[in-house]
Amino acid sequence: MKVLFYGRLADAIGRDIELESGEDWSVAELRRHVAASHPEAADALSRSRAVIASAMVGDEHVIAAADEVEFLPPVSGG
């Protein structure tokens, strides 16, 4: 699966990563996997929104191997 990151997540992790998994992961499992590899991004990742096929999905959503997952970090404005 391809995982895309934006904003401060892209700064900490990189614009995208490719992951291969022998089983389907939930969004929560993907978050844990990425956070374990990039602990500096764990807080922003835990508060980010996951998007698959232009739709926001919850942590319980099961990701198919062919899916492209995007993580949108929280935005602060003023």
N, C-alpha and C. Protein backbone atom coordinates (compact mmCIF):
# COMPACT_ATOMS: atom_id res chain seq x y z
N MET A 1 0.85 -1.17 0.00
CA MET A 1 0.00 0.00 0.00
C MET A 1 0.89 1.23 0.00
N LYS A 2 0.38 2.29 -0.59
CA LYS A 2 1.10 3.55 -0.60
C LYS A 2 0.48 4.43 0.47
N VAL A 3 1.34 5.10 1.25
CA VAL A 3 0.89 5.98 2.31
C VAL A 3 1.47 7.36 2.05
N LEU A 4 0.60 8.36 1.98
CA LEU A 4 1.01 9.74 1.71
C LEU A 4 0.85 10.59 2.97
N PHE A 5 1.78 11.52 3.15
CA PHE A 5 1.75 12.40 4.31
C PHE A 5 1.82 13.85 3.85
N TYR A 6 1.20 14.74 4.63
CA TYR A 6 1.16 16.16 4.30
C TYR A 6 1.60 16.98 5.51
N GLY A 7 1.98 18.23 5.26
CA GLY A 7 2.32 19.17 6.33
C GLY A 7 3.45 18.68 7.19
N ARG A 8 3.28 18.83 8.50
CA ARG A 8 4.36 18.45 9.43
C ARG A 8 4.64 16.95 9.41
N LEU A 9 3.65 16.15 9.02
CA LEU A 9 3.91 14.71 8.89
C LEU A 9 4.89 14.45 7.75
N ALA A 10 4.72 15.15 6.63
CA ALA A 10 5.65 15.00 5.51
C ALA A 10 7.04 15.47 5.90
N ASP A 11 7.11 16.52 6.71
CA ASP A 11 8.41 17.02 7.18
C ASP A 11 9.12 15.97 8.03
N ALA A 12 8.37 15.27 8.87
CA ALA A 12 8.97 14.29 9.80
C ALA A 12 9.21 12.93 9.16
N ILE A 13 8.32 12.50 8.27
CA ILE A 13 8.36 11.13 7.74
C ILE A 13 8.85 11.09 6.30
N GLY A 14 8.46 12.10 5.54
CA GLY A 14 8.68 12.10 4.10
C GLY A 14 7.34 12.18 3.42
N ARG A 15 7.35 12.51 2.15
CA ARG A 15 6.10 12.71 1.40
C ARG A 15 5.29 11.43 1.27
N ASP A 16 5.95 10.30 1.09
CA ASP A 16 5.22 9.03 0.97
C ASP A 16 6.11 7.86 1.29
N ILE A 17 5.48 6.76 1.61
CA ILE A 17 6.18 5.49 1.85
C ILE A 17 5.36 4.37 1.21
N GLU A 18 6.02 3.30 0.86
CA GLU A 18 5.35 2.09 0.35
C GLU A 18 5.50 1.01 1.42
N LEU A 19 4.42 0.36 1.75
CA LEU A 19 4.44 -0.71 2.73
C LEU A 19 3.84 -1.97 2.13
N GLU A 20 4.45 -3.10 2.44
CA GLU A 20 3.89 -4.38 2.04
C GLU A 20 3.53 -5.13 3.31
N SER A 21 2.33 -5.63 3.33
CA SER A 21 1.86 -6.39 4.47
C SER A 21 1.23 -7.67 3.97
N GLY A 22 1.47 -8.75 4.68
CA GLY A 22 0.89 -10.02 4.30
C GLY A 22 -0.57 -10.14 4.69
N GLU A 23 -1.06 -9.16 5.43
CA GLU A 23 -2.45 -9.19 5.87
C GLU A 23 -3.04 -7.80 5.78
N ASP A 24 -4.34 -7.70 5.80
CA ASP A 24 -4.98 -6.39 5.79
C ASP A 24 -4.84 -5.75 7.16
N TRP A 25 -4.49 -4.48 7.18
CA TRP A 25 -4.36 -3.72 8.41
C TRP A 25 -5.53 -2.77 8.56
N SER A 26 -5.86 -2.45 9.79
CA SER A 26 -6.80 -1.36 10.03
C SER A 26 -6.00 -0.07 10.00
N VAL A 27 -6.70 1.05 9.92
CA VAL A 27 -6.02 2.34 9.97
C VAL A 27 -5.26 2.47 11.29
N ALA A 28 -5.84 2.01 12.39
CA ALA A 28 -5.16 2.07 13.69
C ALA A 28 -3.86 1.28 13.68
N GLU A 29 -3.87 0.10 13.07
CA GLU A 29 -2.64 -0.69 12.99
C GLU A 29 -1.59 0.00 12.13
N LEU A 30 -2.02 0.64 11.04
CA LEU A 30 -1.09 1.39 10.20
C LEU A 30 -0.50 2.55 10.98
N ARG A 31 -1.32 3.28 11.73
CA ARG A 31 -0.81 4.38 12.56
C ARG A 31 0.27 3.88 13.52
N ARG A 32 -0.01 2.75 14.20
CA ARG A 32 0.95 2.20 15.17
C ARG A 32 2.25 1.82 14.48
N HIS A 33 2.16 1.22 13.31
CA HIS A 33 3.34 0.80 12.57
C HIS A 33 4.20 2.01 12.18
N VAL A 34 3.56 3.03 11.63
CA VAL A 34 4.30 4.22 11.20
C VAL A 34 4.87 4.96 12.42
N ALA A 35 4.10 5.07 13.50
CA ALA A 35 4.57 5.75 14.71
C ALA A 35 5.76 5.02 15.33
N ALA A 36 5.79 3.70 15.26
CA ALA A 36 6.92 2.95 15.80
C ALA A 36 8.20 3.24 15.01
N SER A 37 8.05 3.45 13.71
CA SER A 37 9.21 3.75 12.86
C SER A 37 9.60 5.22 12.91
N HIS A 38 8.66 6.09 13.25
CA HIS A 38 8.88 7.54 13.26
C HIS A 38 8.28 8.14 14.53
N PRO A 39 8.89 7.86 15.70
CA PRO A 39 8.30 8.32 16.96
C PRO A 39 8.17 9.84 17.06
N GLU A 40 8.99 10.59 16.33
CA GLU A 40 8.90 12.05 16.36
C GLU A 40 7.59 12.55 15.74
N ALA A 41 6.94 11.72 14.96
CA ALA A 41 5.69 12.10 14.31
C ALA A 41 4.47 11.47 14.98
N ALA A 42 4.67 10.72 16.05
CA ALA A 42 3.58 9.95 16.67
C ALA A 42 2.42 10.83 17.12
N ASP A 43 2.71 11.96 17.74
CA ASP A 43 1.63 12.82 18.25
C ASP A 43 0.79 13.37 17.10
N ALA A 44 1.43 13.95 16.10
CA ALA A 44 0.69 14.50 14.95
C ALA A 44 -0.04 13.39 14.20
N LEU A 45 0.57 12.23 14.10
CA LEU A 45 -0.06 11.11 13.40
C LEU A 45 -1.31 10.65 14.14
N SER A 46 -1.25 10.62 15.46
CA SER A 46 -2.41 10.16 16.24
C SER A 46 -3.60 11.11 16.11
N ARG A 47 -3.34 12.38 15.79
CA ARG A 47 -4.41 13.37 15.66
C ARG A 47 -4.79 13.64 14.20
N SER A 48 -4.15 12.95 13.28
CA SER A 48 -4.41 13.19 11.86
C SER A 48 -5.66 12.44 11.38
N ARG A 49 -6.18 12.88 10.25
CA ARG A 49 -7.32 12.22 9.63
C ARG A 49 -6.81 11.31 8.53
N ALA A 50 -7.39 10.12 8.42
CA ALA A 50 -7.02 9.18 7.36
C ALA A 50 -8.03 9.30 6.22
N VAL A 51 -7.51 9.30 4.99
CA VAL A 51 -8.34 9.41 3.80
C VAL A 51 -7.98 8.28 2.84
N ILE A 52 -9.00 7.59 2.36
CA ILE A 52 -8.84 6.55 1.34
C ILE A 52 -9.88 6.81 0.26
N ALA A 53 -9.44 6.89 -0.99
CA ALA A 53 -10.34 7.13 -2.13
C ALA A 53 -11.21 8.37 -1.91
N SER A 54 -10.59 9.44 -1.47
CA SER A 54 -11.25 10.75 -1.25
C SER A 54 -12.29 10.74 -0.13
N ALA A 55 -12.30 9.71 0.71
CA ALA A 55 -13.25 9.65 1.82
C ALA A 55 -12.49 9.50 3.14
N MET A 56 -12.88 10.29 4.13
CA MET A 56 -12.28 10.14 5.46
C MET A 56 -12.78 8.84 6.07
N VAL A 57 -11.85 8.10 6.66
CA VAL A 57 -12.19 6.81 7.26
C VAL A 57 -11.73 6.78 8.71
N GLY A 58 -12.38 5.97 9.51
CA GLY A 58 -12.04 5.83 10.91
C GLY A 58 -10.95 4.81 11.14
N ASP A 59 -10.47 4.74 12.37
CA ASP A 59 -9.39 3.83 12.72
C ASP A 59 -9.74 2.36 12.54
N GLU A 60 -11.02 2.03 12.56
CA GLU A 60 -11.44 0.64 12.42
C GLU A 60 -11.48 0.18 10.95
N HIS A 61 -11.38 1.13 10.02
CA HIS A 61 -11.44 0.80 8.59
C HIS A 61 -10.29 -0.13 8.21
N VAL A 62 -10.61 -1.21 7.49
CA VAL A 62 -9.58 -2.16 7.04
C VAL A 62 -9.07 -1.71 5.68
N ILE A 63 -7.75 -1.62 5.57
CA ILE A 63 -7.10 -1.13 4.36
C ILE A 63 -6.75 -2.30 3.46
N ALA A 64 -7.15 -2.22 2.20
CA ALA A 64 -6.79 -3.24 1.22
C ALA A 64 -5.37 -2.97 0.73
N ALA A 65 -4.68 -4.01 0.28
CA ALA A 65 -3.30 -3.88 -0.16
C ALA A 65 -3.14 -2.87 -1.29
N ALA A 66 -4.14 -2.72 -2.13
CA ALA A 66 -4.05 -1.80 -3.27
C ALA A 66 -4.45 -0.36 -2.92
N ASP A 67 -4.91 -0.13 -1.69
CA ASP A 67 -5.35 1.21 -1.30
C ASP A 67 -4.20 2.18 -1.18
N GLU A 68 -4.52 3.44 -1.41
CA GLU A 68 -3.60 4.55 -1.15
C GLU A 68 -4.19 5.30 0.03
N VAL A 69 -3.43 5.42 1.10
CA VAL A 69 -3.88 6.05 2.33
C VAL A 69 -3.19 7.39 2.46
N GLU A 70 -3.96 8.42 2.76
CA GLU A 70 -3.40 9.75 2.99
C GLU A 70 -3.68 10.14 4.44
N PHE A 71 -2.66 10.70 5.09
CA PHE A 71 -2.84 11.22 6.45
C PHE A 71 -2.75 12.73 6.41
N LEU A 72 -3.82 13.38 6.85
CA LEU A 72 -3.90 14.84 6.89
C LEU A 72 -3.70 15.29 8.33
N PRO A 73 -2.62 16.01 8.63
CA PRO A 73 -2.37 16.41 10.01
C PRO A 73 -3.35 17.51 10.44
N PRO A 74 -3.47 17.67 11.75
CA PRO A 74 -4.32 18.77 12.23
C PRO A 74 -3.73 20.10 11.78
N VAL A 75 -4.60 21.05 11.53
CA VAL A 75 -4.17 22.36 11.06
C VAL A 75 -4.47 23.38 12.12
N SER A 76 -3.52 24.27 12.36
CA SER A 76 -3.80 25.37 13.28
C SER A 76 -3.88 26.65 12.45
N GLY A 77 -4.80 27.46 12.78
CA GLY A 77 -4.97 28.69 12.02
C GLY A 77 -5.17 29.85 12.97
N GLY A 78 -5.30 30.99 12.38
CA GLY A 78 -5.50 32.12 13.27
C GLY A 78 -5.83 33.36 12.51
